[in-house]
Amino acid sequence: MTERQTTPAVDRKNSRHESDVLLRQLDGHLARLQAGQSQHSGHEMALAERIAAHLRQLIRDTVRASAVDRARVRAAVHYFVVRNRDARHPHTHARPAHVDVWVVNDIIRDLGRHDLLIPEPAAA
């Protein structure tokens, strides 16, 4: 077999592995949020779970997509997952989940997946 014939199988395997990693990152992030739920309102937690559900669907739907589209999904997941990373430091604040909705929705629009848009939370 030539390299050209083996490349698609390798790409599928790599993109499947990449998807598994992203799904684990989402699950770990939600577990951390749930563990520190006293710091988060029920509304914030529900919104984070909704964002994660939409991202999971996007990950599943782009396993066989182009590298560019998979990179966009990876960026959305990473943006969502690292939102509270700096919140462990006393002088920084986690950004509100509704900001994640804006950014993730922008990426979803770029991918042309308007069916996966996350409804914007109502203003309090």
N, C-alpha and C. Protein backbone atom coordinates (compact mmCIF):
# COMPACT_ATOMS: atom_id res chain seq x y z
N MET A 1 0.84 -1.19 0.00
CA MET A 1 0.00 0.00 0.00
C MET A 1 0.87 1.24 0.00
N THR A 2 0.41 2.23 -0.67
CA THR A 2 1.15 3.49 -0.69
C THR A 2 0.73 4.33 0.49
N GLU A 3 1.52 5.34 0.76
CA GLU A 3 1.20 6.26 1.86
C GLU A 3 -0.16 6.92 1.62
N ARG A 4 -0.43 7.21 0.37
CA ARG A 4 -1.68 7.87 0.03
C ARG A 4 -2.89 7.01 0.41
N GLN A 5 -2.78 5.70 0.27
CA GLN A 5 -3.88 4.81 0.58
C GLN A 5 -4.08 4.65 2.09
N THR A 6 -3.02 4.77 2.86
CA THR A 6 -3.14 4.56 4.30
C THR A 6 -3.49 5.84 5.06
N THR A 7 -3.29 6.98 4.46
CA THR A 7 -3.52 8.24 5.15
C THR A 7 -4.95 8.41 5.65
N PRO A 8 -6.00 8.14 4.86
CA PRO A 8 -7.36 8.34 5.37
C PRO A 8 -7.65 7.52 6.63
N ALA A 9 -7.19 6.28 6.69
CA ALA A 9 -7.44 5.45 7.87
C ALA A 9 -6.74 6.04 9.08
N VAL A 10 -5.52 6.53 8.89
CA VAL A 10 -4.78 7.14 9.99
C VAL A 10 -5.50 8.41 10.43
N ASP A 11 -5.98 9.22 9.48
CA ASP A 11 -6.70 10.45 9.82
C ASP A 11 -7.96 10.16 10.60
N ARG A 12 -8.71 9.12 10.19
CA ARG A 12 -9.93 8.76 10.92
C ARG A 12 -9.60 8.33 12.33
N LYS A 13 -8.53 7.56 12.49
CA LYS A 13 -8.13 7.10 13.82
C LYS A 13 -7.73 8.29 14.68
N ASN A 14 -6.96 9.21 14.12
CA ASN A 14 -6.53 10.40 14.87
C ASN A 14 -7.71 11.28 15.24
N SER A 15 -8.65 11.48 14.32
CA SER A 15 -9.79 12.34 14.63
C SER A 15 -10.70 11.67 15.66
N ARG A 16 -10.79 10.35 15.63
CA ARG A 16 -11.58 9.63 16.64
C ARG A 16 -10.94 9.81 18.02
N HIS A 17 -9.61 9.66 18.07
CA HIS A 17 -8.88 9.86 19.33
C HIS A 17 -9.06 11.30 19.83
N GLU A 18 -8.92 12.24 18.92
CA GLU A 18 -9.10 13.65 19.27
C GLU A 18 -10.50 13.89 19.85
N SER A 19 -11.51 13.29 19.25
CA SER A 19 -12.88 13.43 19.74
C SER A 19 -13.01 12.84 21.15
N ASP A 20 -12.41 11.70 21.38
CA ASP A 20 -12.46 11.08 22.71
C ASP A 20 -11.81 11.99 23.75
N VAL A 21 -10.70 12.60 23.38
CA VAL A 21 -10.01 13.51 24.30
C VAL A 21 -10.90 14.71 24.62
N LEU A 22 -11.54 15.27 23.61
CA LEU A 22 -12.41 16.43 23.84
C LEU A 22 -13.60 16.07 24.72
N LEU A 23 -14.17 14.89 24.50
CA LEU A 23 -15.29 14.45 25.33
C LEU A 23 -14.86 14.27 26.78
N ARG A 24 -13.67 13.71 27.00
CA ARG A 24 -13.16 13.56 28.36
C ARG A 24 -12.92 14.92 29.01
N GLN A 25 -12.43 15.88 28.23
CA GLN A 25 -12.21 17.23 28.77
C GLN A 25 -13.54 17.85 29.21
N LEU A 26 -14.57 17.69 28.41
CA LEU A 26 -15.89 18.21 28.77
C LEU A 26 -16.40 17.55 30.06
N ASP A 27 -16.29 16.22 30.12
CA ASP A 27 -16.76 15.50 31.30
C ASP A 27 -16.00 15.92 32.55
N GLY A 28 -14.69 16.07 32.43
CA GLY A 28 -13.88 16.50 33.56
C GLY A 28 -14.23 17.90 34.02
N HIS A 29 -14.47 18.77 33.07
CA HIS A 29 -14.84 20.15 33.40
C HIS A 29 -16.17 20.19 34.15
N LEU A 30 -17.15 19.45 33.65
CA LEU A 30 -18.45 19.42 34.34
C LEU A 30 -18.32 18.82 35.73
N ALA A 31 -17.49 17.80 35.87
CA ALA A 31 -17.29 17.19 37.20
C ALA A 31 -16.67 18.20 38.16
N ARG A 32 -15.72 18.99 37.68
CA ARG A 32 -15.11 20.03 38.53
C ARG A 32 -16.13 21.09 38.91
N LEU A 33 -16.98 21.46 37.96
CA LEU A 33 -18.02 22.45 38.26
C LEU A 33 -19.00 21.90 39.29
N GLN A 34 -19.38 20.65 39.14
CA GLN A 34 -20.31 20.05 40.09
C GLN A 34 -19.68 19.93 41.47
N ALA A 35 -18.39 19.61 41.52
CA ALA A 35 -17.70 19.49 42.80
C ALA A 35 -17.66 20.83 43.53
N GLY A 36 -17.56 21.91 42.79
CA GLY A 36 -17.53 23.24 43.38
C GLY A 36 -18.85 23.96 43.23
N GLN A 37 -19.93 23.21 43.17
CA GLN A 37 -21.24 23.80 42.86
C GLN A 37 -21.66 24.88 43.85
N SER A 38 -21.15 24.84 45.07
CA SER A 38 -21.54 25.88 46.02
C SER A 38 -21.07 27.26 45.53
N GLN A 39 -20.04 27.27 44.67
CA GLN A 39 -19.55 28.53 44.12
C GLN A 39 -20.36 28.97 42.91
N HIS A 40 -21.15 28.07 42.35
CA HIS A 40 -21.90 28.35 41.13
C HIS A 40 -23.39 28.27 41.41
N SER A 41 -24.13 29.16 40.82
CA SER A 41 -25.58 29.10 40.96
C SER A 41 -26.11 27.91 40.17
N GLY A 42 -27.30 27.49 40.53
CA GLY A 42 -27.93 26.40 39.78
C GLY A 42 -28.12 26.78 38.33
N HIS A 43 -28.39 28.06 38.09
CA HIS A 43 -28.57 28.55 36.72
C HIS A 43 -27.28 28.41 35.93
N GLU A 44 -26.15 28.78 36.52
CA GLU A 44 -24.85 28.68 35.85
C GLU A 44 -24.53 27.22 35.53
N MET A 45 -24.83 26.32 36.49
CA MET A 45 -24.55 24.90 36.28
C MET A 45 -25.42 24.34 35.16
N ALA A 46 -26.69 24.70 35.16
CA ALA A 46 -27.60 24.23 34.11
C ALA A 46 -27.15 24.73 32.74
N LEU A 47 -26.70 25.97 32.69
CA LEU A 47 -26.23 26.54 31.43
C LEU A 47 -24.95 25.83 30.98
N ALA A 48 -24.05 25.55 31.91
CA ALA A 48 -22.82 24.83 31.57
C ALA A 48 -23.14 23.44 31.03
N GLU A 49 -24.10 22.76 31.62
CA GLU A 49 -24.50 21.43 31.14
C GLU A 49 -25.11 21.52 29.74
N ARG A 50 -25.87 22.57 29.49
CA ARG A 50 -26.47 22.75 28.16
C ARG A 50 -25.40 23.02 27.12
N ILE A 51 -24.43 23.88 27.46
CA ILE A 51 -23.32 24.16 26.54
C ILE A 51 -22.57 22.86 26.24
N ALA A 52 -22.28 22.08 27.28
CA ALA A 52 -21.55 20.83 27.10
C ALA A 52 -22.32 19.86 26.20
N ALA A 53 -23.63 19.79 26.35
CA ALA A 53 -24.44 18.90 25.51
C ALA A 53 -24.34 19.29 24.04
N HIS A 54 -24.38 20.58 23.77
CA HIS A 54 -24.27 21.05 22.38
C HIS A 54 -22.87 20.77 21.84
N LEU A 55 -21.86 20.97 22.67
CA LEU A 55 -20.49 20.69 22.23
C LEU A 55 -20.28 19.20 21.98
N ARG A 56 -20.87 18.34 22.82
CA ARG A 56 -20.76 16.89 22.59
C ARG A 56 -21.33 16.52 21.22
N GLN A 57 -22.51 17.08 20.91
CA GLN A 57 -23.12 16.79 19.62
C GLN A 57 -22.23 17.28 18.48
N LEU A 58 -21.66 18.45 18.64
CA LEU A 58 -20.78 19.01 17.62
C LEU A 58 -19.54 18.13 17.44
N ILE A 59 -18.99 17.64 18.53
CA ILE A 59 -17.83 16.74 18.46
C ILE A 59 -18.20 15.48 17.68
N ARG A 60 -19.33 14.87 18.02
CA ARG A 60 -19.76 13.64 17.33
C ARG A 60 -19.98 13.90 15.84
N ASP A 61 -20.55 15.05 15.52
CA ASP A 61 -20.89 15.35 14.13
C ASP A 61 -19.69 15.72 13.27
N THR A 62 -18.57 16.06 13.89
CA THR A 62 -17.41 16.50 13.11
C THR A 62 -16.25 15.50 13.13
N VAL A 63 -16.51 14.28 13.57
CA VAL A 63 -15.43 13.28 13.60
C VAL A 63 -14.84 13.09 12.20
N ARG A 64 -15.67 13.13 11.19
CA ARG A 64 -15.20 12.93 9.81
C ARG A 64 -15.13 14.22 9.01
N ALA A 65 -15.19 15.34 9.69
CA ALA A 65 -15.15 16.64 9.02
C ALA A 65 -13.71 17.02 8.68
N SER A 66 -13.57 18.15 8.03
CA SER A 66 -12.25 18.64 7.66
C SER A 66 -11.45 19.00 8.91
N ALA A 67 -10.15 19.06 8.74
CA ALA A 67 -9.27 19.44 9.85
C ALA A 67 -9.59 20.85 10.35
N VAL A 68 -9.98 21.72 9.45
CA VAL A 68 -10.32 23.10 9.83
C VAL A 68 -11.56 23.10 10.72
N ASP A 69 -12.58 22.35 10.34
CA ASP A 69 -13.80 22.30 11.15
C ASP A 69 -13.53 21.65 12.51
N ARG A 70 -12.73 20.60 12.53
CA ARG A 70 -12.39 19.96 13.80
C ARG A 70 -11.60 20.92 14.69
N ALA A 71 -10.76 21.74 14.09
CA ALA A 71 -10.00 22.73 14.87
C ALA A 71 -10.95 23.77 15.48
N ARG A 72 -11.99 24.14 14.76
CA ARG A 72 -12.97 25.09 15.31
C ARG A 72 -13.69 24.48 16.51
N VAL A 73 -14.05 23.21 16.39
CA VAL A 73 -14.71 22.52 17.50
C VAL A 73 -13.77 22.43 18.69
N ARG A 74 -12.53 22.09 18.42
CA ARG A 74 -11.51 22.00 19.48
C ARG A 74 -11.37 23.35 20.19
N ALA A 75 -11.37 24.42 19.42
CA ALA A 75 -11.27 25.77 20.01
C ALA A 75 -12.47 26.06 20.91
N ALA A 76 -13.66 25.69 20.47
CA ALA A 76 -14.86 25.92 21.28
C ALA A 76 -14.78 25.15 22.59
N VAL A 77 -14.37 23.90 22.51
CA VAL A 77 -14.27 23.08 23.72
C VAL A 77 -13.22 23.66 24.66
N HIS A 78 -12.08 24.00 24.13
CA HIS A 78 -11.01 24.54 24.97
C HIS A 78 -11.43 25.86 25.61
N TYR A 79 -12.11 26.70 24.88
CA TYR A 79 -12.57 27.96 25.44
C TYR A 79 -13.51 27.69 26.62
N PHE A 80 -14.43 26.77 26.44
CA PHE A 80 -15.39 26.45 27.49
C PHE A 80 -14.70 25.81 28.70
N VAL A 81 -13.79 24.90 28.46
CA VAL A 81 -13.16 24.14 29.53
C VAL A 81 -12.23 25.01 30.37
N VAL A 82 -11.54 25.95 29.77
CA VAL A 82 -10.58 26.75 30.54
C VAL A 82 -11.21 27.98 31.20
N ARG A 83 -12.50 28.14 31.09
CA ARG A 83 -13.13 29.36 31.61
C ARG A 83 -12.95 29.54 33.10
N ASN A 84 -12.87 28.47 33.86
CA ASN A 84 -12.74 28.59 35.31
C ASN A 84 -11.33 28.27 35.79
N ARG A 85 -10.45 27.97 34.90
CA ARG A 85 -9.11 27.58 35.31
C ARG A 85 -8.44 28.65 36.15
N ASP A 86 -8.58 29.92 35.77
CA ASP A 86 -7.96 31.00 36.52
C ASP A 86 -8.77 31.40 37.75
N ALA A 87 -9.95 30.87 37.90
CA ALA A 87 -10.80 31.23 39.04
C ALA A 87 -10.25 30.70 40.36
N ARG A 88 -9.28 29.81 40.31
CA ARG A 88 -8.68 29.30 41.55
C ARG A 88 -7.84 30.36 42.24
N HIS A 89 -7.44 31.35 41.47
CA HIS A 89 -6.64 32.43 42.04
C HIS A 89 -7.57 33.47 42.65
N PRO A 90 -7.28 33.93 43.85
CA PRO A 90 -8.22 34.80 44.56
C PRO A 90 -8.50 36.14 43.88
N HIS A 91 -7.62 36.62 43.03
CA HIS A 91 -7.81 37.95 42.44
C HIS A 91 -8.41 37.91 41.04
N THR A 92 -8.79 36.75 40.59
CA THR A 92 -9.39 36.65 39.27
C THR A 92 -10.80 36.10 39.41
N HIS A 93 -11.62 36.40 38.44
CA HIS A 93 -13.00 35.93 38.46
C HIS A 93 -13.26 35.11 37.22
N ALA A 94 -14.02 34.04 37.39
CA ALA A 94 -14.42 33.25 36.23
C ALA A 94 -15.39 34.08 35.40
N ARG A 95 -15.29 33.93 34.11
CA ARG A 95 -16.26 34.67 33.30
C ARG A 95 -17.61 33.96 33.38
N PRO A 96 -18.66 34.69 33.27
CA PRO A 96 -20.00 34.09 33.37
C PRO A 96 -20.26 33.14 32.20
N ALA A 97 -21.09 32.15 32.44
CA ALA A 97 -21.38 31.14 31.42
C ALA A 97 -22.03 31.75 30.19
N HIS A 98 -22.78 32.86 30.35
CA HIS A 98 -23.43 33.43 29.16
C HIS A 98 -22.40 33.94 28.15
N VAL A 99 -21.21 34.29 28.61
CA VAL A 99 -20.15 34.70 27.67
C VAL A 99 -19.70 33.47 26.87
N ASP A 100 -19.63 32.32 27.52
CA ASP A 100 -19.30 31.09 26.81
C ASP A 100 -20.33 30.81 25.72
N VAL A 101 -21.59 31.09 26.01
CA VAL A 101 -22.65 30.88 25.02
C VAL A 101 -22.37 31.73 23.78
N TRP A 102 -22.00 32.98 23.98
CA TRP A 102 -21.73 33.86 22.83
C TRP A 102 -20.60 33.30 21.97
N VAL A 103 -19.51 32.93 22.60
CA VAL A 103 -18.34 32.46 21.86
C VAL A 103 -18.62 31.13 21.19
N VAL A 104 -19.20 30.18 21.92
CA VAL A 104 -19.51 28.88 21.34
C VAL A 104 -20.51 29.03 20.20
N ASN A 105 -21.51 29.88 20.37
CA ASN A 105 -22.47 30.11 19.28
C ASN A 105 -21.81 30.70 18.05
N ASP A 106 -20.84 31.59 18.23
CA ASP A 106 -20.11 32.13 17.07
C ASP A 106 -19.42 31.01 16.29
N ILE A 107 -18.83 30.08 17.00
CA ILE A 107 -18.15 28.97 16.33
C ILE A 107 -19.16 28.05 15.67
N ILE A 108 -20.28 27.81 16.35
CA ILE A 108 -21.34 26.98 15.76
C ILE A 108 -21.86 27.62 14.47
N ARG A 109 -22.04 28.95 14.48
CA ARG A 109 -22.47 29.65 13.26
C ARG A 109 -21.43 29.50 12.15
N ASP A 110 -20.15 29.65 12.51
CA ASP A 110 -19.08 29.50 11.51
C ASP A 110 -19.12 28.13 10.85
N LEU A 111 -19.53 27.13 11.62
CA LEU A 111 -19.62 25.76 11.09
C LEU A 111 -20.92 25.52 10.32
N GLY A 112 -21.80 26.51 10.32
CA GLY A 112 -23.06 26.37 9.60
C GLY A 112 -24.05 25.45 10.30
N ARG A 113 -23.89 25.26 11.60
CA ARG A 113 -24.76 24.36 12.36
C ARG A 113 -25.74 25.15 13.21
N HIS A 114 -26.58 25.92 12.56
CA HIS A 114 -27.54 26.76 13.26
C HIS A 114 -28.52 25.94 14.11
N ASP A 115 -28.67 24.65 13.76
CA ASP A 115 -29.54 23.78 14.54
C ASP A 115 -28.97 23.51 15.94
N LEU A 116 -27.69 23.76 16.14
CA LEU A 116 -27.05 23.52 17.44
C LEU A 116 -26.83 24.80 18.25
N LEU A 117 -27.35 25.91 17.77
CA LEU A 117 -27.18 27.16 18.53
C LEU A 117 -27.78 27.02 19.92
N ILE A 118 -27.08 27.54 20.90
CA ILE A 118 -27.51 27.49 22.29
C ILE A 118 -28.37 28.72 22.55
N PRO A 119 -29.60 28.53 23.05
CA PRO A 119 -30.43 29.70 23.33
C PRO A 119 -29.75 30.61 24.36
N GLU A 120 -29.76 31.88 24.08
CA GLU A 120 -29.15 32.86 24.99
C GLU A 120 -29.99 32.93 26.26
N PRO A 121 -29.34 32.96 27.43
CA PRO A 121 -30.11 33.05 28.66
C PRO A 121 -30.83 34.40 28.75
N ALA A 122 -31.98 34.37 29.37
CA ALA A 122 -32.76 35.60 29.55
C ALA A 122 -32.01 36.52 30.52
N ALA A 123 -32.09 37.79 30.26
CA ALA A 123 -31.44 38.76 31.15
C ALA A 123 -32.12 38.74 32.51
N ALA A 124 -31.28 38.81 33.54
CA ALA A 124 -31.84 38.77 34.90
C ALA A 124 -32.34 40.13 35.32
